[in-house]
Amino acid sequence: MGRLPQVGSDQGTWGAVLNDYLLVAHKPDGTLKNVFNVKDYGAKGDGTTDDTLAIRAAITALTAAGGGTLYFPDGTFKVSTTGATDRAPWITLGIFYIPSNTTVTGSSGAVILFTGVPGTDGAGDRSKHPNLFNCDNAHDVLFENLNFKGENGTDGTGFTYLVNNQSSCIYIVRGGGRDIMTRNCKFVNMYGFSVHSPAGDVRVHVINCVTRYCANGINVNGDLSIQAGNIIEYSEGFESAGEGIMIINNILRNPYGVGIAAGGNNNPGATKPGNIVMGNTVDGATTVGITATSAFNESIVANNVIRKAGNFGLMVQPGASGQTAYGCVLSGNLIVSAGIAGKVGTGILIGDGAKTLLTGNRSVDGGISGYQQMYGLSMSGADCVAYGNVFEGTNWDIDVTPYALNFLLGDDNKYRRAKMSIRGSATLAKPPVSTGTTPPTLPDIVYNKGEIMWNSAPTPGGAVGWICVTTGTPGTWKTFGTIAA
């Protein structure tokens, strides 16, 4: 929090507020830290003065001291591209360079106002993609309690997405970064990524941050990295690739494009197994709610809620170089109304996911105005298994394409319309025929003469059940027995 307790307020929290204040400048044993207050180096924090050079002077002193704490007190600190330097090919254009063993923190009233960013995407021109805080081969860096804002309006007013802009607030580069955490930060109206780690870093964590009205969201490509408890609104979502990554308990509202791209949206990289995407809520993604690509092998996507995705709710697909995602588990996910009306909306799409297990998922058309989920499940993967799921589509509950090989569809899946399109290689375990309100109607399943279904809704004068009299798909069924009136 970084402020003194206030008389007349903070009742009952004076101790906590004072401890937070003291921890800015003190170690737990009471000795002083290396704290570099940007105002001590000439920063005004008045929202109009360009504080770039003063902040850079504080960072220079901090670097000379071997690290420490860069502290922003209350105020609005205007930052421009003044004096930015190029460290190509790793950094396009860097404004500030943060060394190892550094904490960058601020008080609750501190705002970093990012200005001077070009109004075009500047594709191919490094000078058009300035990055704010850069960690160049750094380690043990913490960004916390920081508020970032772009100058184009407030909370989205007058803001236009610069979709191809690659500027970043926090940029970790060279593939040598490790143990870098961003927590309790807020990014509003930023022009590029909130946090961007291109590749090869280790333990790059983003925790409890808010990204709102930003051209891009959070892009972390680092092994053993965690993104948890974040909120992303009206921005691109997560794009993450690595081994042992966790994307957990995040909320995404109206993300641009893909909500969560696990394995990278266009990542052609090597196999990186053992990842988890769990407990996230994605509402209103313009294209896909959650997608897992080739770099996302032997991984788990579980207990996520996806609502109103533009095309697909949950998708497993090959990467940019055609590698197959294999060995994934999709469990306990809820997908509601995937697909804008007029498009081929699909709840779950296994585009090329070898040995994918689907269990306990619910993919349903929620009847939301403007949305139509045409397929509950579309399967093109090899050696996949589905048990205990609910699939619903306005056209087909399940579509098994000609590319699907050895697909096993268990006998405990549920279907709203009992409509399937089986064109690929699939084995359909026979649904239980013990009870029901109508005889079996599922196509492409062979029922044998003599099989019985008992009537689960008996009425006086009604049938006791149904018996198959001719083997077929689903065969010919007749009523047997009459319940006394």
Protein backbone atom coordinates (compact mmCIF):
# COMPACT_ATOMS: atom_id res chain seq x y z
CA MET A 1 0.00 0.00 0.00
CA GLY A 2 2.94 2.30 0.74
CA ARG A 3 1.36 5.17 2.74
CA LEU A 4 1.03 6.34 6.31
CA PRO A 5 -2.22 5.73 8.24
CA GLN A 6 -4.69 8.60 8.00
CA VAL A 7 -6.37 10.24 10.97
CA GLY A 8 -10.13 9.80 10.81
CA SER A 9 -9.89 6.76 8.56
CA ASP A 10 -8.20 3.37 8.49
CA GLN A 11 -9.93 2.49 11.76
CA GLY A 12 -8.90 -0.96 12.84
CA THR A 13 -6.26 -1.25 10.12
CA TRP A 14 -3.57 1.16 11.34
CA GLY A 15 -1.15 -1.66 12.08
CA ALA A 16 -1.54 -3.26 8.67
CA VAL A 17 -1.28 0.08 6.83
CA LEU A 18 1.81 1.10 8.79
CA ASN A 19 3.46 -2.28 8.23
CA ASP A 20 2.89 -2.01 4.48
CA TYR A 21 4.38 1.48 4.56
CA LEU A 22 7.44 0.38 6.48
CA LEU A 23 8.02 -2.66 4.27
CA VAL A 24 8.58 -0.36 1.29
CA ALA A 25 11.83 0.86 2.82
CA HIS A 26 12.69 -1.80 5.40
CA LYS A 27 13.64 -5.44 5.43
CA PRO A 28 11.79 -7.78 7.82
CA ASP A 29 14.64 -7.40 10.34
CA GLY A 30 14.15 -3.60 10.37
CA THR A 31 17.24 -2.68 8.39
CA LEU A 32 16.83 -0.31 5.43
CA LYS A 33 16.42 -1.54 1.89
CA ASN A 34 17.85 0.18 -1.15
CA VAL A 35 14.79 2.31 -1.95
CA PHE A 36 14.89 4.71 -4.88
CA ASN A 37 11.93 7.11 -4.78
CA VAL A 38 11.45 8.55 -8.26
CA LYS A 39 10.55 11.95 -6.77
CA ASP A 40 14.00 12.11 -5.17
CA TYR A 41 15.40 12.12 -8.71
CA GLY A 42 13.23 14.92 -10.02
CA ALA A 43 9.95 13.25 -10.98
CA LYS A 44 6.97 15.56 -10.42
CA GLY A 45 4.03 13.17 -10.67
CA ASP A 46 1.70 16.01 -11.69
CA GLY A 47 0.34 14.35 -14.83
CA THR A 48 1.72 17.00 -17.20
CA THR A 49 5.49 17.03 -16.68
CA ASP A 50 7.41 14.40 -18.64
CA ASP A 51 8.99 12.32 -15.84
CA THR A 52 10.80 9.89 -18.14
CA LEU A 53 14.34 11.19 -17.55
CA ALA A 54 13.85 11.46 -13.79
CA ILE A 55 12.59 7.85 -13.57
CA ARG A 56 15.51 6.71 -15.70
CA ALA A 57 17.92 8.50 -13.33
CA ALA A 58 16.43 6.61 -10.39
CA ILE A 59 16.81 3.31 -12.27
CA THR A 60 20.44 4.17 -13.11
CA ALA A 61 21.19 4.69 -9.42
CA LEU A 62 19.36 1.49 -8.51
CA THR A 63 21.32 -0.46 -11.12
CA ALA A 64 24.61 0.89 -9.80
CA ALA A 65 23.61 -0.29 -6.32
CA GLY A 66 23.05 -3.83 -7.59
CA GLY A 67 19.26 -3.69 -7.33
CA GLY A 68 16.73 -2.49 -4.81
CA THR A 69 13.25 -0.97 -4.82
CA LEU A 70 12.05 1.55 -7.40
CA TYR A 71 9.20 3.37 -5.66
CA PHE A 72 6.40 5.51 -7.11
CA PRO A 73 4.59 7.58 -4.46
CA ASP A 74 1.13 9.08 -5.00
CA GLY A 75 0.88 11.02 -8.26
CA THR A 76 0.50 10.62 -12.02
CA PHE A 77 3.88 10.05 -13.65
CA LYS A 78 3.90 10.86 -17.33
CA VAL A 79 6.24 8.68 -19.40
CA SER A 80 7.18 9.13 -23.07
CA THR A 81 9.62 7.53 -25.50
CA THR A 82 12.22 10.21 -24.71
CA GLY A 83 15.69 8.65 -24.70
CA ALA A 84 14.44 5.15 -25.47
CA THR A 85 17.16 2.82 -26.71
CA ASP A 86 17.15 -0.13 -29.08
CA ARG A 87 18.65 -3.48 -28.11
CA ALA A 88 17.70 -5.34 -31.27
CA PRO A 89 16.96 -8.09 -31.92
CA TRP A 90 15.79 -8.77 -28.36
CA ILE A 91 14.04 -5.50 -27.62
CA THR A 92 12.37 -3.41 -30.28
CA LEU A 93 12.60 -0.12 -28.39
CA GLY A 94 13.01 0.07 -24.64
CA ILE A 95 12.16 3.03 -22.41
CA PHE A 96 13.31 1.65 -19.04
CA TYR A 97 15.59 -1.34 -18.34
CA ILE A 98 15.11 -3.05 -14.99
CA PRO A 99 18.06 -5.01 -13.55
CA SER A 100 18.00 -8.22 -11.53
CA ASN A 101 17.09 -8.24 -7.83
CA THR A 102 14.67 -5.34 -8.18
CA THR A 103 11.17 -4.52 -6.93
CA VAL A 104 9.15 -1.93 -8.82
CA THR A 105 6.25 -0.81 -6.65
CA GLY A 106 3.94 2.10 -5.98
CA SER A 107 1.49 3.54 -3.51
CA SER A 108 -2.23 3.08 -4.05
CA GLY A 109 -2.46 6.55 -5.64
CA ALA A 110 0.44 6.17 -8.07
CA VAL A 111 -0.37 6.11 -11.81
CA ILE A 112 2.11 5.62 -14.65
CA LEU A 113 0.71 7.45 -17.70
CA PHE A 114 2.20 5.98 -20.89
CA THR A 115 2.25 8.61 -23.67
CA GLY A 116 3.87 9.30 -26.99
CA VAL A 117 2.94 5.95 -28.55
CA PRO A 118 2.37 6.24 -32.32
CA GLY A 119 -1.20 6.17 -33.55
CA THR A 120 -0.53 3.48 -36.15
CA ASP A 121 0.49 -0.11 -35.65
CA GLY A 122 3.86 0.50 -37.30
CA ALA A 123 4.20 -3.08 -38.51
CA GLY A 124 7.83 -3.83 -39.33
CA ASP A 125 9.13 -0.60 -37.79
CA ARG A 126 10.74 -1.15 -34.36
CA SER A 127 10.49 2.55 -33.55
CA LYS A 128 6.72 2.21 -33.57
CA HIS A 129 6.71 -0.46 -30.83
CA PRO A 130 8.19 1.05 -27.65
CA ASN A 131 8.17 -1.13 -24.52
CA LEU A 132 7.88 0.49 -21.10
CA PHE A 133 9.64 -1.67 -18.47
CA ASN A 134 12.10 -4.15 -19.96
CA CYS A 135 13.79 -7.05 -18.16
CA ASP A 136 16.78 -7.85 -20.36
CA ASN A 137 18.11 -11.22 -19.20
CA ALA A 138 17.10 -10.28 -15.65
CA HIS A 139 16.07 -12.45 -12.72
CA ASP A 140 14.36 -12.02 -9.36
CA VAL A 141 12.24 -9.03 -10.36
CA LEU A 142 8.89 -8.06 -8.83
CA PHE A 143 6.36 -5.58 -10.25
CA GLU A 144 3.54 -4.90 -7.80
CA ASN A 145 0.85 -2.38 -6.90
CA LEU A 146 1.29 -0.40 -10.12
CA ASN A 147 -1.42 1.38 -12.14
CA PHE A 148 -0.67 1.82 -15.85
CA LYS A 149 -2.77 3.97 -18.15
CA GLY A 150 -2.54 4.99 -21.78
CA GLU A 151 -3.26 8.58 -22.75
CA ASN A 152 -6.03 7.81 -25.26
CA GLY A 153 -9.00 8.38 -22.98
CA THR A 154 -9.98 6.93 -19.62
CA ASP A 155 -11.34 3.43 -19.09
CA GLY A 156 -11.80 2.89 -22.81
CA THR A 157 -13.28 6.26 -23.82
CA GLY A 158 -11.99 7.13 -27.27
CA PHE A 159 -9.76 4.07 -27.39
CA THR A 160 -9.19 2.16 -30.62
CA TYR A 161 -7.59 -1.30 -30.65
CA LEU A 162 -4.15 -1.29 -32.25
CA VAL A 163 -4.30 -5.00 -32.88
CA ASN A 164 -0.87 -5.35 -34.52
CA ASN A 165 0.93 -3.09 -32.08
CA GLN A 166 3.64 -4.95 -30.16
CA SER A 167 4.35 -2.42 -27.40
CA SER A 168 4.38 -3.86 -23.90
CA CYS A 169 4.13 -2.48 -20.38
CA ILE A 170 6.36 -5.19 -18.94
CA TYR A 171 8.61 -7.02 -21.38
CA ILE A 172 10.86 -9.97 -20.48
CA VAL A 173 13.37 -10.84 -23.20
CA ARG A 174 16.34 -12.86 -24.46
CA GLY A 175 15.00 -16.14 -23.09
CA GLY A 176 17.13 -15.80 -19.96
CA GLY A 177 14.60 -14.21 -17.64
CA ARG A 178 13.60 -16.12 -14.53
CA ASP A 179 11.68 -15.59 -11.33
CA ILE A 180 9.85 -12.49 -12.56
CA MET A 181 6.47 -11.73 -11.01
CA THR A 182 3.80 -9.16 -11.78
CA ARG A 183 1.05 -8.95 -9.16
CA ASN A 184 -1.70 -6.58 -8.11
CA CYS A 185 -1.15 -4.32 -11.13
CA LYS A 186 -3.75 -2.65 -13.34
CA PHE A 187 -3.40 -1.91 -17.06
CA VAL A 188 -5.94 0.40 -18.72
CA ASN A 189 -5.90 1.71 -22.30
CA MET A 190 -2.46 0.35 -23.01
CA TYR A 191 -1.34 0.04 -26.61
CA GLY A 192 0.20 -3.41 -26.58
CA PHE A 193 0.72 -6.29 -24.19
CA SER A 194 0.25 -5.81 -20.49
CA VAL A 195 2.94 -8.42 -19.82
CA HIS A 196 4.94 -10.06 -22.60
CA SER A 197 7.52 -12.84 -22.29
CA PRO A 198 8.37 -13.96 -25.83
CA ALA A 199 10.07 -17.34 -25.19
CA GLY A 200 12.44 -19.38 -23.10
CA ASP A 201 11.96 -17.73 -19.73
CA VAL A 202 11.33 -19.57 -16.47
CA ARG A 203 8.82 -18.81 -13.72
CA VAL A 204 7.26 -15.67 -15.16
CA HIS A 205 4.16 -15.24 -12.98
CA VAL A 206 1.22 -12.85 -13.42
CA ILE A 207 -1.05 -12.82 -10.36
CA ASN A 208 -4.17 -10.80 -9.47
CA CYS A 209 -3.78 -8.21 -12.22
CA VAL A 210 -6.45 -6.34 -14.22
CA THR A 211 -6.16 -5.66 -17.95
CA ARG A 212 -8.88 -3.47 -19.43
CA TYR A 213 -9.23 -1.91 -22.91
CA CYS A 214 -5.76 -3.00 -24.03
CA ALA A 215 -4.81 -3.98 -27.55
CA ASN A 216 -3.23 -7.17 -26.24
CA GLY A 217 -3.51 -9.05 -23.00
CA ILE A 218 -0.98 -11.30 -21.25
CA ASN A 219 1.54 -13.27 -23.31
CA VAL A 220 3.87 -15.48 -21.28
CA ASN A 221 5.97 -18.18 -22.95
CA GLY A 222 7.99 -19.56 -20.08
CA ASP A 223 8.32 -22.90 -18.34
CA LEU A 224 6.82 -23.30 -14.85
CA SER A 225 4.92 -20.02 -15.20
CA ILE A 226 1.64 -19.22 -13.44
CA GLN A 227 -1.16 -16.85 -14.45
CA ALA A 228 -3.80 -16.83 -11.71
CA GLY A 229 -6.59 -14.62 -10.41
CA ASN A 230 -6.37 -12.07 -13.21
CA ILE A 231 -9.21 -10.14 -14.84
CA ILE A 232 -9.07 -9.32 -18.56
CA GLU A 233 -11.80 -7.17 -20.12
CA TYR A 234 -12.14 -5.91 -23.70
CA SER A 235 -8.56 -6.93 -24.51
CA GLU A 236 -6.84 -9.88 -26.10
CA GLY A 237 -6.63 -12.69 -23.57
CA PHE A 238 -3.85 -15.09 -22.58
CA GLU A 239 -1.32 -16.59 -24.93
CA SER A 240 0.99 -18.99 -23.12
CA ALA A 241 3.38 -21.75 -24.08
CA GLY A 242 5.86 -23.68 -22.02
CA GLU A 243 6.26 -26.73 -19.83
CA GLY A 244 4.43 -26.90 -16.53
CA ILE A 245 2.45 -23.68 -17.01
CA MET A 246 -0.72 -23.05 -15.01
CA ILE A 247 -3.57 -20.74 -16.05
CA ILE A 248 -5.95 -20.87 -13.10
CA ASN A 249 -9.02 -18.99 -11.81
CA ASN A 250 -8.90 -16.08 -14.24
CA ILE A 251 -11.91 -14.10 -15.50
CA LEU A 252 -12.10 -12.90 -19.09
CA ARG A 253 -14.98 -10.71 -20.23
CA ASN A 254 -15.40 -9.96 -23.96
CA PRO A 255 -11.79 -10.78 -24.86
CA TYR A 256 -10.75 -9.88 -28.39
CA GLY A 257 -10.02 -12.99 -30.48
CA VAL A 258 -9.10 -16.03 -28.38
CA GLY A 259 -9.73 -15.96 -24.65
CA ILE A 260 -6.99 -18.39 -23.59
CA ALA A 261 -4.50 -19.74 -26.14
CA ALA A 262 -2.61 -22.46 -24.29
CA GLY A 263 0.36 -23.59 -26.30
CA GLY A 264 0.38 -20.30 -28.16
CA ASN A 265 -2.05 -18.92 -30.72
CA ASN A 266 0.41 -19.45 -33.57
CA ASN A 267 3.20 -21.23 -31.74
CA PRO A 268 5.29 -23.61 -33.88
CA GLY A 269 7.52 -24.60 -30.95
CA ALA A 270 8.62 -27.90 -29.53
CA THR A 271 6.57 -30.23 -27.38
CA LYS A 272 5.99 -28.81 -23.89
CA PRO A 273 3.92 -31.16 -21.73
CA GLY A 274 2.34 -31.01 -18.30
CA ASN A 275 0.24 -27.84 -18.39
CA ILE A 276 -3.00 -26.99 -16.58
CA VAL A 277 -5.85 -24.64 -17.56
CA MET A 278 -8.41 -24.80 -14.77
CA GLY A 279 -11.24 -22.86 -13.18
CA ASN A 280 -11.30 -19.98 -15.68
CA THR A 281 -14.38 -18.08 -16.88
CA VAL A 282 -14.39 -16.83 -20.48
CA ASP A 283 -17.46 -14.82 -21.48
CA GLY A 284 -17.94 -13.33 -24.95
CA ALA A 285 -14.68 -14.21 -26.74
CA THR A 286 -15.00 -12.98 -30.32
CA THR A 287 -13.55 -16.19 -31.84
CA VAL A 288 -12.58 -19.02 -29.43
CA GLY A 289 -13.01 -19.41 -25.68
CA ILE A 290 -10.06 -21.71 -24.94
CA THR A 291 -7.72 -23.34 -27.45
CA ALA A 292 -4.90 -25.84 -26.89
CA THR A 293 -2.33 -26.30 -29.65
CA SER A 294 0.63 -28.54 -30.47
CA ALA A 295 2.85 -27.29 -27.64
CA PHE A 296 0.17 -28.33 -25.15
CA ASN A 297 0.67 -32.06 -24.73
CA GLU A 298 -0.18 -34.37 -21.83
CA SER A 299 -2.05 -31.48 -20.26
CA ILE A 300 -5.34 -30.80 -18.49
CA VAL A 301 -8.17 -28.38 -19.32
CA ALA A 302 -10.69 -28.69 -16.51
CA ASN A 303 -13.62 -26.99 -14.78
CA ASN A 304 -13.67 -23.95 -17.03
CA VAL A 305 -16.82 -22.00 -17.98
CA ILE A 306 -17.07 -20.70 -21.57
CA ARG A 307 -20.06 -18.66 -22.68
CA LYS A 308 -20.90 -16.94 -25.97
CA ALA A 309 -17.75 -17.70 -27.95
CA GLY A 310 -17.87 -16.36 -31.51
CA ASN A 311 -16.91 -19.62 -33.27
CA PHE A 312 -15.73 -22.37 -30.93
CA GLY A 313 -15.99 -22.88 -27.21
CA LEU A 314 -13.11 -25.27 -26.48
CA MET A 315 -10.71 -26.31 -29.24
CA VAL A 316 -7.72 -28.65 -29.55
CA GLN A 317 -5.88 -28.04 -32.81
CA PRO A 318 -2.50 -28.55 -34.52
CA GLY A 319 0.14 -25.85 -34.23
CA ALA A 320 1.53 -23.58 -36.91
CA SER A 321 3.90 -26.30 -38.15
CA GLY A 322 1.26 -29.02 -38.09
CA GLN A 323 2.31 -30.82 -34.89
CA THR A 324 -0.43 -32.78 -33.19
CA ALA A 325 -1.51 -32.07 -29.62
CA TYR A 326 -1.69 -35.42 -27.86
CA GLY A 327 -2.60 -36.89 -24.51
CA CYS A 328 -4.79 -34.03 -23.26
CA VAL A 329 -7.62 -34.38 -20.76
CA LEU A 330 -10.72 -32.18 -21.09
CA SER A 331 -12.78 -32.60 -17.93
CA GLY A 332 -15.71 -30.87 -16.25
CA ASN A 333 -15.87 -27.91 -18.62
CA LEU A 334 -19.13 -26.06 -19.30
CA ILE A 335 -19.61 -24.56 -22.77
CA VAL A 336 -22.78 -22.58 -23.44
CA SER A 337 -23.79 -21.10 -26.82
CA ALA A 338 -20.61 -21.31 -28.86
CA GLY A 339 -21.15 -19.69 -32.23
CA ILE A 340 -22.63 -16.44 -33.47
CA ALA A 341 -25.77 -17.10 -35.48
CA GLY A 342 -24.90 -17.74 -39.12
CA LYS A 343 -21.49 -19.24 -38.34
CA VAL A 344 -20.61 -22.90 -37.81
CA GLY A 345 -20.61 -22.67 -34.03
CA THR A 346 -19.18 -25.66 -32.19
CA GLY A 347 -19.02 -26.28 -28.45
CA ILE A 348 -15.98 -28.60 -28.44
CA LEU A 349 -13.76 -29.02 -31.51
CA ILE A 350 -11.01 -31.63 -31.55
CA GLY A 351 -9.26 -30.53 -34.72
CA ASP A 352 -6.25 -32.80 -34.49
CA GLY A 353 -5.93 -33.89 -30.88
CA ALA A 354 -4.56 -37.39 -30.70
CA LYS A 355 -5.46 -39.46 -27.61
CA THR A 356 -7.64 -36.75 -26.10
CA LEU A 357 -9.91 -37.83 -23.23
CA LEU A 358 -13.21 -35.98 -22.80
CA THR A 359 -15.06 -36.67 -19.56
CA GLY A 360 -17.74 -34.83 -17.61
CA ASN A 361 -18.01 -31.89 -20.02
CA ARG A 362 -21.30 -30.12 -20.85
CA SER A 363 -21.52 -28.54 -24.30
CA VAL A 364 -24.99 -27.08 -24.78
CA ASP A 365 -26.86 -24.52 -26.86
CA GLY A 366 -28.17 -22.06 -24.29
CA GLY A 367 -30.69 -20.33 -26.54
CA ILE A 368 -28.94 -16.97 -26.12
CA SER A 369 -30.17 -14.38 -28.61
CA GLY A 370 -27.76 -13.96 -31.53
CA TYR A 371 -25.95 -17.26 -30.85
CA GLN A 372 -26.48 -20.75 -32.28
CA GLN A 373 -24.37 -23.75 -31.34
CA MET A 374 -24.69 -26.01 -34.38
CA TYR A 375 -22.50 -28.84 -33.05
CA GLY A 376 -22.03 -30.02 -29.48
CA LEU A 377 -18.86 -31.91 -30.40
CA SER A 378 -16.93 -32.02 -33.67
CA MET A 379 -14.30 -34.77 -33.68
CA SER A 380 -11.38 -35.06 -36.09
CA GLY A 381 -8.72 -36.43 -33.73
CA ALA A 382 -7.25 -39.93 -33.59
CA ASP A 383 -7.59 -42.41 -30.72
CA CYS A 384 -9.83 -40.12 -28.65
CA VAL A 385 -12.30 -41.22 -25.97
CA ALA A 386 -15.47 -39.51 -24.68
CA TYR A 387 -17.27 -40.68 -21.53
CA GLY A 388 -19.91 -39.06 -19.34
CA ASN A 389 -20.38 -35.87 -21.35
CA VAL A 390 -23.47 -33.92 -22.44
CA PHE A 391 -23.48 -32.78 -26.07
CA GLU A 392 -26.08 -30.57 -27.75
CA GLY A 393 -26.15 -28.88 -31.14
CA THR A 394 -28.95 -27.39 -33.19
CA ASN A 395 -27.75 -29.38 -36.25
CA TRP A 396 -25.93 -32.36 -34.73
CA ASP A 397 -25.15 -33.22 -31.14
CA ILE A 398 -21.99 -34.95 -32.40
CA ASP A 399 -20.20 -34.69 -35.75
CA VAL A 400 -17.45 -37.26 -36.31
CA THR A 401 -15.61 -36.09 -39.40
CA PRO A 402 -13.89 -38.33 -41.99
CA TYR A 403 -10.53 -37.43 -40.40
CA ALA A 404 -11.40 -39.03 -37.05
CA LEU A 405 -9.73 -42.40 -36.41
CA ASN A 406 -10.55 -44.92 -33.69
CA PHE A 407 -12.86 -42.61 -31.75
CA LEU A 408 -14.54 -44.34 -28.80
CA LEU A 409 -17.82 -42.78 -27.71
CA GLY A 410 -18.87 -44.17 -24.34
CA ASP A 411 -22.30 -45.40 -23.39
CA ASP A 412 -22.88 -42.81 -20.66
CA ASN A 413 -22.82 -39.66 -22.79
CA LYS A 414 -26.08 -37.70 -22.98
CA TYR A 415 -27.60 -36.03 -26.03
CA ARG A 416 -30.31 -33.39 -26.28
CA ARG A 417 -31.53 -34.28 -29.76
CA ALA A 418 -29.93 -37.70 -30.20
CA LYS A 419 -28.55 -36.64 -33.57
CA MET A 420 -25.16 -37.80 -34.79
CA SER A 421 -23.18 -37.56 -37.99
CA ILE A 422 -20.65 -40.40 -38.14
CA ARG A 423 -18.32 -40.11 -41.12
CA GLY A 424 -14.99 -41.08 -39.58
CA SER A 425 -13.70 -44.20 -37.85
CA ALA A 426 -15.61 -44.46 -34.59
CA THR A 427 -16.71 -47.12 -32.13
CA LEU A 428 -19.91 -46.24 -30.33
CA ALA A 429 -20.45 -48.06 -27.07
CA LYS A 430 -24.10 -48.98 -26.84
CA PRO A 431 -26.20 -46.70 -24.59
CA PRO A 432 -27.86 -48.49 -21.70
CA VAL A 433 -31.24 -49.83 -22.76
CA SER A 434 -32.52 -50.54 -19.28
CA THR A 435 -34.95 -47.60 -18.96
CA GLY A 436 -36.31 -44.75 -21.04
CA THR A 437 -39.43 -42.93 -22.17
CA THR A 438 -39.07 -43.87 -25.83
CA PRO A 439 -37.33 -46.68 -27.70
CA PRO A 440 -33.73 -45.99 -28.88
CA THR A 441 -33.38 -43.60 -31.82
CA LEU A 442 -29.61 -43.00 -32.04
CA PRO A 443 -28.30 -43.74 -35.53
CA ASP A 444 -25.14 -45.72 -36.28
CA ILE A 445 -25.57 -47.98 -33.24
CA VAL A 446 -26.46 -51.61 -33.77
CA TYR A 447 -29.18 -53.02 -31.48
CA ASN A 448 -29.79 -56.76 -31.45
CA LYS A 449 -33.08 -58.60 -31.61
CA GLY A 450 -34.41 -59.30 -28.13
CA GLU A 451 -32.92 -56.28 -26.34
CA ILE A 452 -35.39 -54.58 -23.97
CA MET A 453 -35.99 -51.04 -22.73
CA TRP A 454 -38.29 -50.58 -19.75
CA ASN A 455 -40.67 -47.63 -19.68
CA SER A 456 -39.38 -45.18 -17.03
CA ALA A 457 -42.61 -43.13 -17.08
CA PRO A 458 -45.39 -45.74 -16.76
CA THR A 459 -49.02 -44.68 -16.93
CA PRO A 460 -52.28 -46.62 -16.62
CA GLY A 461 -53.00 -48.24 -19.97
CA GLY A 462 -49.48 -47.52 -21.21
CA ALA A 463 -46.73 -49.92 -22.32
CA VAL A 464 -44.48 -51.76 -19.88
CA GLY A 465 -41.56 -51.24 -22.27
CA TRP A 466 -40.13 -51.88 -25.74
CA ILE A 467 -38.39 -54.85 -27.31
CA CYS A 468 -36.16 -54.94 -30.39
CA VAL A 469 -37.71 -57.31 -32.93
CA THR A 470 -35.30 -56.66 -35.81
CA THR A 471 -31.56 -56.14 -35.49
CA GLY A 472 -30.43 -52.81 -36.96
CA THR A 473 -29.41 -49.19 -36.38
CA PRO A 474 -31.34 -48.63 -34.23
CA GLY A 475 -33.43 -51.62 -35.33
CA THR A 476 -37.20 -52.10 -35.08
CA TRP A 477 -38.79 -51.72 -31.64
CA LYS A 478 -42.26 -52.73 -30.48
CA THR A 479 -44.16 -52.18 -27.26
CA PHE A 480 -44.78 -55.08 -24.95
CA GLY A 481 -47.11 -55.46 -21.99
CA THR A 482 -49.98 -53.19 -21.00
CA ILE A 483 -50.30 -51.55 -17.60
CA ALA A 484 -53.73 -52.05 -16.06
CA ALA A 485 -55.99 -49.01 -16.14
